[in-house]
Protein backbone atom coordinates (compact mmCIF):
# COMPACT_ATOMS: atom_id res chain seq x y z
CA MET A 1 57.20 22.85 122.20
CA ARG A 2 57.83 24.66 119.07
CA ILE A 3 60.61 24.25 116.59
CA VAL A 4 62.17 27.13 114.86
CA ASN A 5 65.38 27.39 112.48
CA ILE A 6 68.27 29.51 113.46
CA HIS A 7 67.16 32.43 110.90
CA GLU A 8 63.66 32.56 112.29
CA ALA A 9 65.12 32.66 115.89
CA LYS A 10 67.48 35.72 114.94
CA THR A 11 64.84 37.56 113.39
CA HIS A 12 62.10 37.11 115.80
CA LEU A 13 63.97 36.70 119.19
CA SER A 14 61.98 39.30 121.23
CA LYS A 15 58.76 37.34 120.29
CA LEU A 16 60.39 34.04 121.02
CA LEU A 17 61.43 35.44 124.35
CA GLU A 18 57.91 36.63 125.13
CA GLU A 19 56.49 33.30 124.10
CA VAL A 20 58.99 31.50 126.55
CA SER A 21 58.28 34.04 129.40
CA LEU A 22 54.57 32.96 129.30
CA GLY A 23 55.71 29.09 129.97
CA GLY A 24 56.47 28.05 126.27
CA GLU A 25 59.43 26.07 125.21
CA ILE A 26 61.27 26.68 121.76
CA VAL A 27 63.73 24.38 120.14
CA ILE A 28 66.14 25.89 117.79
CA ALA A 29 67.11 23.58 114.79
CA LYS A 30 69.87 23.89 112.16
CA SER A 31 69.00 21.98 109.09
CA GLY A 32 66.20 20.29 110.86
CA LYS A 33 68.37 18.88 113.64
CA PRO A 34 67.71 20.18 117.20
CA MET A 35 70.72 22.40 118.45
CA ALA A 36 69.36 24.27 121.38
CA ARG A 37 66.37 24.71 123.68
CA LEU A 38 65.03 28.20 124.94
CA THR A 39 63.28 27.97 128.04
CA GLY A 40 62.08 30.39 130.74
CA ILE A 41 63.99 30.50 134.18
CA SER A 42 62.07 30.40 137.42
CA PRO A 43 62.47 33.48 139.68
CA ALA A 44 65.33 33.54 142.10
CA LYS A 45 64.66 32.48 145.65
CA PRO A 46 64.62 35.25 148.27
CA ILE A 47 68.09 35.77 150.27
CA ARG A 48 67.78 34.26 153.89
CA LYS A 49 68.93 36.43 156.56
CA PRO A 50 70.79 34.42 159.05
CA GLY A 51 70.72 35.41 162.78
CA PHE A 52 67.20 36.56 162.63
CA LEU A 53 66.43 34.97 166.03
CA LYS A 54 70.03 34.90 167.14
CA TRP A 55 69.24 36.71 170.54
CA LYS A 56 66.69 33.89 171.23
CA SER A 57 68.07 31.84 173.81
CA LYS A 58 67.31 28.24 175.49
CA SER A 59 67.61 29.67 178.98
CA PRO A 60 64.08 31.31 179.77
CA ILE A 61 65.84 33.91 182.16
CA THR A 62 67.96 35.16 179.25
CA SER A 63 65.02 35.31 176.84
CA MET A 64 63.18 37.26 179.47
CA LEU A 65 65.82 39.80 179.78
CA HIS A 66 66.27 40.24 175.98
CA TYR A 67 62.53 40.40 175.59
CA ARG A 68 62.42 43.37 178.26
CA MET A 69 65.28 44.90 176.48
CA ILE A 70 63.48 44.93 173.16
CA CYS A 71 59.88 45.88 174.43
CA TRP A 72 60.57 48.22 177.32
CA PRO A 73 63.97 49.83 176.78
CA CYS A 74 63.50 52.15 179.93
CA GLY A 75 63.41 48.81 181.96
CA ILE A 76 59.89 49.61 183.46
CA HIS A 77 57.25 47.08 182.68
CA PRO A 78 53.96 48.82 182.24
CA ILE A 79 51.88 46.14 184.06
CA LEU A 80 54.64 45.75 186.95
CA TRP A 81 54.88 49.50 187.49
CA HIS A 82 52.38 51.29 189.66
CA HIS A 83 52.16 54.86 190.93
CA GLU A 84 51.69 55.27 194.64
CA ASN A 85 49.98 58.11 196.19
């Protein structure tokens, strides 16, 4: 933690911000009395997208139907389909 006066903080703000971005902490003082603290902020959390597994159902039949609609839109399952000559 580094203590700087107001004049120095105004003059060297970009350098102080660089120091803070690297994990430092700066206290700005007026007449030797601490007035403010300059610290970095943590990155924002990613926004959660609700409803990602909305189609997922507790019923095995409904889940199977949704799975078939997504994986095989034509309705023909590649394993169950066979060609008869």
